Protein backbone atom coordinates (compact mmCIF):
# COMPACT_ATOMS: atom_id res chain seq x y z
CA UNK A 1 0.02 0.05 -0.03
CA UNK A 2 1.63 3.23 -0.99
CA UNK A 3 1.98 6.41 1.13
CA UNK A 4 -0.87 8.25 -0.55
CA UNK A 5 -3.39 5.56 -0.01
CA UNK A 6 -2.45 5.32 3.69
CA UNK A 7 -2.91 8.96 4.42
CA UNK A 8 -6.48 10.07 5.56
CA UNK A 9 -6.75 13.44 3.85
CA UNK A 10 -10.43 13.93 5.04
CA UNK A 11 -9.32 13.43 8.69
CA UNK A 12 -6.61 15.84 8.22
CA UNK A 13 -8.89 18.49 6.72
CA UNK A 14 -11.39 17.79 9.47
CA UNK A 15 -8.62 18.34 12.19
CA UNK A 16 -7.61 21.54 10.50
CA UNK A 17 -11.11 22.65 10.66
CA UNK A 18 -11.13 22.02 14.29
CA UNK A 19 -8.07 24.10 14.70
CA UNK A 20 -5.44 21.29 14.98
CA UNK A 21 -2.14 22.97 14.01
CA UNK A 22 -0.43 19.60 13.92
CA UNK A 23 -2.79 18.29 11.29
CA UNK A 24 -1.88 21.21 8.87
CA UNK A 25 1.83 20.53 9.55
CA UNK A 26 1.35 16.91 8.85
CA UNK A 27 -0.59 17.63 5.68
CA UNK A 28 2.06 20.13 4.58
CA UNK A 29 4.89 17.51 5.32
CA UNK A 30 3.07 14.91 3.38
CA UNK A 31 1.84 16.96 0.29
CA UNK A 32 4.04 20.04 0.36
CA UNK A 33 6.56 18.75 -2.10
CA UNK A 34 3.78 17.61 -4.57
CA UNK A 35 1.95 20.82 -4.13
CA UNK A 36 5.13 22.85 -4.92
CA UNK A 37 5.47 20.50 -8.14
CA UNK A 38 1.85 21.27 -9.32
CA UNK A 39 2.55 25.21 -8.55
CA UNK A 40 5.76 25.13 -10.23
CA UNK A 41 4.54 23.48 -13.48
CA UNK A 42 1.82 26.25 -13.77
CA UNK A 43 3.94 29.35 -12.78
CA UNK A 44 7.42 28.31 -13.80
CA UNK A 45 9.14 30.46 -11.06
CA UNK A 46 10.30 28.53 -7.91
CA UNK A 47 9.99 31.49 -5.41
CA UNK A 48 6.36 32.32 -6.76
CA UNK A 49 5.48 28.46 -6.61
CA UNK A 50 6.72 28.51 -2.96
CA UNK A 51 4.64 31.69 -2.16
CA UNK A 52 1.55 29.76 -3.73
CA UNK A 53 2.02 26.64 -1.61
CA UNK A 54 2.22 28.92 1.58
CA UNK A 55 -1.01 30.74 0.50
CA UNK A 56 -2.61 27.35 -0.31
CA UNK A 57 -1.80 26.01 3.11
CA UNK A 58 -3.28 29.21 4.58
CA UNK A 59 -6.45 28.73 2.46
CA UNK A 60 -6.50 25.01 3.38
CA UNK A 61 -6.33 25.97 7.17
CA UNK A 62 -8.95 28.57 6.96
CA UNK A 63 -11.34 26.94 4.60
CA UNK A 64 -10.93 23.34 5.57
CA UNK A 65 -14.58 23.33 7.24
CA UNK A 66 -15.95 24.15 3.70
CA UNK A 67 -14.68 20.91 2.25
CA UNK A 68 -17.38 18.64 1.14
CA UNK A 69 -16.69 14.96 0.76
CA UNK A 70 -19.81 14.65 -1.43
CA UNK A 71 -18.48 17.00 -4.09
CA UNK A 72 -14.87 15.22 -4.33
CA UNK A 73 -11.98 13.75 -2.59
CA UNK A 74 -10.09 15.64 0.12
CA UNK A 75 -6.85 15.20 -1.86
CA UNK A 76 -8.38 16.67 -4.95
CA UNK A 77 -9.82 19.63 -2.99
CA UNK A 78 -6.27 20.35 -1.61
CA UNK A 79 -4.82 20.32 -5.05
CA UNK A 80 -7.68 22.44 -6.54
CA UNK A 81 -6.85 25.14 -3.98
CA UNK A 82 -3.26 25.02 -5.05
CA UNK A 83 -3.99 24.99 -8.66
CA UNK A 84 -6.48 27.95 -8.47
CA UNK A 85 -3.88 30.05 -6.75
CA UNK A 86 -1.23 29.09 -9.31
CA UNK A 87 -3.68 29.98 -12.26
CA UNK A 88 -4.59 33.11 -10.66
CA UNK A 89 -0.96 34.12 -10.33
CA UNK A 90 -0.39 33.51 -14.01
CA UNK A 91 -3.58 35.46 -14.82
CA UNK A 92 -2.45 38.45 -12.68
CA UNK A 93 0.77 38.34 -14.27
CA UNK A 94 -0.55 38.48 -17.78
CA UNK A 95 -2.57 41.54 -16.91
CA UNK A 96 0.24 43.90 -16.62
CA UNK A 97 -0.08 46.55 -19.07
CA UNK A 98 2.18 48.97 -20.77
CA UNK A 99 1.25 52.58 -20.21
CA UNK A 100 1.92 55.72 -22.22
CA UNK A 101 4.29 58.64 -21.26
CA UNK A 102 1.28 60.75 -20.03
CA UNK A 103 -0.02 57.84 -17.87
CA UNK A 104 3.60 57.27 -16.62
CA UNK A 105 3.95 60.80 -15.51
CA UNK A 106 0.50 60.60 -13.54
CA UNK A 107 1.72 57.31 -11.82
CA UNK A 108 4.99 58.87 -10.98
CA UNK A 109 3.46 61.83 -9.51
CA UNK A 110 1.13 59.56 -7.42
CA UNK A 111 4.11 57.67 -6.34
CA UNK A 112 6.02 60.75 -5.33
CA UNK A 113 2.92 61.73 -3.24
CA UNK A 114 2.82 58.33 -1.61
CA UNK A 115 6.54 58.57 -0.83
CA UNK A 116 6.12 62.02 0.80
CA UNK A 117 3.12 60.70 2.86
CA UNK A 118 5.17 57.74 4.03
CA UNK A 119 7.96 59.99 5.03
CA UNK A 120 5.49 62.11 7.05
CA UNK A 121 4.28 58.88 8.58
CA UNK A 122 7.89 57.84 9.30
CA UNK A 123 8.36 61.17 11.11
CA UNK A 124 5.18 60.55 13.11
CA UNK A 125 6.49 57.08 14.09
CA UNK A 126 9.87 58.63 15.10
CA UNK A 127 8.12 60.92 17.59
CA UNK A 128 6.29 58.14 19.17
CA UNK A 129 9.43 55.69 19.50
CA UNK A 130 8.40 54.61 22.86
CA UNK A 131 5.11 53.38 21.74
CA UNK A 132 6.87 51.60 18.81
CA UNK A 133 9.16 49.87 21.00
CA UNK A 134 6.37 48.67 23.13
CA UNK A 135 4.67 47.34 20.16
CA UNK A 136 7.66 45.60 18.51
CA UNK A 137 8.18 43.83 21.81
CA UNK A 138 4.78 42.36 21.57
CA UNK A 139 5.82 40.66 18.31
CA UNK A 140 7.31 37.10 18.23
CA UNK A 141 11.07 37.34 18.16
CA UNK A 142 11.49 35.95 14.66
CA UNK A 143 8.76 38.00 13.32
CA UNK A 144 10.27 41.13 15.01
CA UNK A 145 13.67 40.25 13.44
CA UNK A 146 12.03 40.07 9.96
CA UNK A 147 10.50 43.43 10.35
CA UNK A 148 13.73 44.86 11.63
CA UNK A 149 15.74 43.31 8.83
CA UNK A 150 13.32 44.70 6.18
CA UNK A 151 12.68 48.27 7.71
CA UNK A 152 15.87 49.05 9.62
CA UNK A 153 18.58 47.18 7.58
CA UNK A 154 16.60 47.45 4.09
CA UNK A 155 16.99 43.81 3.12
CA UNK A 156 14.51 42.39 0.68
CA UNK A 157 12.21 39.63 1.57
CA UNK A 158 14.40 37.06 -0.22
CA UNK A 159 17.61 38.21 1.45
CA UNK A 160 15.67 37.83 4.83
CA UNK A 161 14.41 34.49 3.85
CA UNK A 162 18.08 33.28 3.00
CA UNK A 163 19.50 34.79 6.13
CA UNK A 164 17.12 33.24 8.48
CA UNK A 165 16.56 29.90 6.50
CA UNK A 166 12.81 30.10 6.16
CA UNK A 167 10.72 29.92 2.90
CA UNK A 168 10.12 33.30 1.20
CA UNK A 169 6.22 32.97 1.30
CA UNK A 170 6.48 32.55 5.14
CA UNK A 171 8.78 35.60 5.60
CA UNK A 172 6.21 37.63 3.62
CA UNK A 173 3.41 36.53 5.53
CA UNK A 174 5.17 37.34 8.84
CA UNK A 175 6.04 40.70 7.80
CA UNK A 176 2.60 41.37 6.47
CA UNK A 177 0.94 40.19 9.63
CA UNK A 178 3.54 41.84 11.83
CA UNK A 179 2.79 45.21 10.20
CA UNK A 180 -0.80 44.71 10.60
CA UNK A 181 -0.29 43.99 14.42
CA UNK A 182 2.02 47.01 14.65
CA UNK A 183 -0.65 49.32 13.12
CA UNK A 184 -3.31 47.82 15.55
CA UNK A 185 -0.94 48.41 18.54
CA UNK A 186 -0.12 52.01 17.53
CA UNK A 187 -3.73 53.05 16.86
């Protein structure tokens, strides 16, 4: 009996729906490499495929309760989540458009305004350093480290992932969630 036939996908999804993080970890350990292969065949970019598998695991975790065995197999559902995300990434990439000089000038002006607002926000943050330190201390150490690498040292997400030995998608998610937590803490 092969490994796939022995693994109980429905039980893993039911455990995920019940909030069992170990079930998601076991599911990822069991199917992660194959999910990566599916995503990689579609998007043809390893870093993007890793991000897709990460996002697929998050979707599986948050939507496991919506799985309906009457509509198909649990394993098929897991791969449909992965395939849909990969196909969406390809579609999103193909939607990029080339703009004329006039539109580019407008976009540049908007970007300059956003940069100025960001610098004004940065000044406001500097004036509330005590609150920022308090909020940073509330983050998990590895997530705090990712935020500091990105915003103090200016490292890219890829550089951070290599430095701490963590998948790129995980680093991106940690930074995004940490920034949301900081915003809430500072509000």
